[in-house]
N, C-alpha and C. Protein backbone atom coordinates (compact mmCIF):
# COMPACT_ATOMS: atom_id res chain seq x y z
N UNK A 1 -0.90 -62.11 -29.40
CA UNK A 1 -1.37 -63.30 -30.07
C UNK A 1 -1.77 -64.31 -28.99
N UNK A 2 -2.89 -64.95 -29.23
CA UNK A 2 -3.37 -65.98 -28.31
C UNK A 2 -3.44 -67.30 -29.07
N UNK A 3 -2.89 -68.33 -28.48
CA UNK A 3 -2.98 -69.66 -29.08
C UNK A 3 -3.69 -70.58 -28.10
N UNK A 4 -4.63 -71.34 -28.59
CA UNK A 4 -5.37 -72.27 -27.75
C UNK A 4 -5.39 -73.64 -28.42
N UNK A 5 -5.38 -74.68 -27.62
CA UNK A 5 -5.40 -76.04 -28.14
C UNK A 5 -6.63 -76.77 -27.63
N UNK A 6 -7.30 -77.47 -28.53
CA UNK A 6 -8.44 -78.28 -28.16
C UNK A 6 -7.97 -79.66 -27.73
N UNK A 7 -8.86 -80.44 -27.15
CA UNK A 7 -8.49 -81.79 -26.70
C UNK A 7 -8.14 -82.71 -27.87
N UNK A 8 -8.64 -82.36 -29.08
CA UNK A 8 -8.35 -83.17 -30.26
C UNK A 8 -7.00 -82.82 -30.88
N UNK A 9 -6.31 -81.84 -30.31
CA UNK A 9 -5.00 -81.47 -30.82
C UNK A 9 -5.03 -80.36 -31.86
N UNK A 10 -6.20 -79.81 -32.16
CA UNK A 10 -6.31 -78.72 -33.12
C UNK A 10 -5.91 -77.41 -32.43
N UNK A 11 -5.22 -76.57 -33.16
CA UNK A 11 -4.78 -75.29 -32.60
C UNK A 11 -5.60 -74.14 -33.19
N UNK A 12 -5.90 -73.16 -32.36
CA UNK A 12 -6.58 -71.95 -32.79
C UNK A 12 -5.69 -70.77 -32.42
N UNK A 13 -5.37 -69.96 -33.41
CA UNK A 13 -4.52 -68.79 -33.17
C UNK A 13 -5.34 -67.54 -33.44
N UNK A 14 -5.37 -66.65 -32.46
CA UNK A 14 -6.09 -65.39 -32.59
C UNK A 14 -5.05 -64.28 -32.51
N UNK A 15 -5.01 -63.43 -33.53
CA UNK A 15 -4.03 -62.36 -33.56
C UNK A 15 -4.57 -61.11 -32.88
N UNK A 16 -3.70 -60.21 -32.55
CA UNK A 16 -4.09 -58.95 -31.93
C UNK A 16 -4.94 -58.10 -32.85
N UNK A 17 -4.71 -58.20 -34.15
CA UNK A 17 -5.48 -57.44 -35.13
C UNK A 17 -6.95 -57.84 -35.05
N UNK A 18 -7.21 -59.13 -34.95
CA UNK A 18 -8.59 -59.63 -34.85
C UNK A 18 -9.25 -59.11 -33.57
N UNK A 19 -8.52 -59.14 -32.46
CA UNK A 19 -9.07 -58.66 -31.20
C UNK A 19 -9.35 -57.16 -31.26
N UNK A 20 -8.47 -56.41 -31.91
CA UNK A 20 -8.68 -54.97 -32.06
C UNK A 20 -9.92 -54.68 -32.90
N UNK A 21 -10.13 -55.49 -33.94
CA UNK A 21 -11.30 -55.27 -34.80
C UNK A 21 -12.59 -55.54 -34.04
N UNK A 22 -12.59 -56.52 -33.16
CA UNK A 22 -13.76 -56.80 -32.33
C UNK A 22 -14.03 -55.62 -31.40
N UNK A 23 -12.99 -55.11 -30.78
CA UNK A 23 -13.12 -53.97 -29.86
C UNK A 23 -13.61 -52.73 -30.61
N UNK A 24 -13.09 -52.51 -31.81
CA UNK A 24 -13.51 -51.36 -32.62
C UNK A 24 -14.99 -51.47 -32.98
N UNK A 25 -15.44 -52.67 -33.32
CA UNK A 25 -16.85 -52.90 -33.65
C UNK A 25 -17.73 -52.62 -32.43
N UNK A 26 -17.30 -53.08 -31.25
CA UNK A 26 -18.07 -52.84 -30.03
C UNK A 26 -18.19 -51.35 -29.75
N UNK A 27 -17.10 -50.62 -29.89
CA UNK A 27 -17.12 -49.18 -29.65
C UNK A 27 -18.00 -48.46 -30.68
N UNK A 28 -18.00 -48.93 -31.91
CA UNK A 28 -18.83 -48.34 -32.96
C UNK A 28 -20.30 -48.51 -32.61
N UNK A 29 -20.70 -49.70 -32.20
CA UNK A 29 -22.09 -49.96 -31.84
C UNK A 29 -22.49 -49.17 -30.59
N UNK A 30 -21.58 -49.05 -29.64
CA UNK A 30 -21.85 -48.27 -28.43
C UNK A 30 -22.06 -46.80 -28.78
N UNK A 31 -21.25 -46.27 -29.70
CA UNK A 31 -21.39 -44.88 -30.13
C UNK A 31 -22.73 -44.66 -30.83
N UNK A 32 -23.16 -45.62 -31.65
CA UNK A 32 -24.47 -45.51 -32.31
C UNK A 32 -25.59 -45.48 -31.27
N UNK A 33 -25.48 -46.34 -30.28
CA UNK A 33 -26.48 -46.40 -29.22
C UNK A 33 -26.50 -45.08 -28.43
N UNK A 34 -25.32 -44.56 -28.10
CA UNK A 34 -25.23 -43.30 -27.36
C UNK A 34 -25.83 -42.14 -28.16
N UNK A 35 -25.58 -42.15 -29.48
CA UNK A 35 -26.12 -41.11 -30.35
C UNK A 35 -27.65 -41.14 -30.34
N UNK A 36 -28.21 -42.33 -30.44
CA UNK A 36 -29.67 -42.48 -30.42
C UNK A 36 -30.24 -42.09 -29.05
N UNK A 37 -29.54 -42.49 -28.00
CA UNK A 37 -29.99 -42.20 -26.64
C UNK A 37 -29.95 -40.70 -26.35
N UNK A 38 -28.98 -40.01 -26.91
CA UNK A 38 -28.85 -38.57 -26.65
C UNK A 38 -30.00 -37.78 -27.30
N UNK A 39 -30.64 -38.35 -28.32
CA UNK A 39 -31.76 -37.68 -28.98
C UNK A 39 -33.07 -37.85 -28.20
N UNK A 40 -33.09 -38.77 -27.26
CA UNK A 40 -34.30 -39.01 -26.47
C UNK A 40 -34.42 -37.95 -25.40
N UNK A 41 -35.65 -37.53 -25.15
CA UNK A 41 -35.90 -36.57 -24.09
C UNK A 41 -36.32 -37.33 -22.84
N UNK A 42 -35.73 -36.96 -21.74
CA UNK A 42 -36.05 -37.60 -20.46
C UNK A 42 -37.13 -36.78 -19.79
N UNK A 43 -38.26 -37.40 -19.51
CA UNK A 43 -39.37 -36.72 -18.85
C UNK A 43 -39.41 -37.17 -17.39
N UNK A 44 -39.25 -36.23 -16.47
CA UNK A 44 -39.29 -36.59 -15.05
C UNK A 44 -40.65 -37.18 -14.68
N UNK A 45 -40.65 -38.06 -13.70
CA UNK A 45 -41.88 -38.74 -13.28
C UNK A 45 -42.92 -37.75 -12.78
N UNK A 46 -42.50 -36.65 -12.20
CA UNK A 46 -43.43 -35.66 -11.66
C UNK A 46 -44.22 -34.99 -12.78
N UNK A 47 -43.64 -34.84 -13.96
CA UNK A 47 -44.34 -34.21 -15.09
C UNK A 47 -45.27 -35.21 -15.77
N UNK A 48 -44.92 -36.48 -15.79
CA UNK A 48 -45.74 -37.50 -16.43
C UNK A 48 -47.12 -37.60 -15.80
N UNK A 49 -47.19 -37.51 -14.49
CA UNK A 49 -48.46 -37.72 -13.79
C UNK A 49 -49.32 -36.54 -13.92
């Protein structure tokens, strides 16, 4: 759990569950990107010319 205080005295509390959900979302998007990237064919520069 992370607690932070602003200069106005307001407190913000972030739980571990929220941080885990952010990390899970990042990994999900990274997996989608990797899946799309794996379908791309890499053409060497020597063949392009």
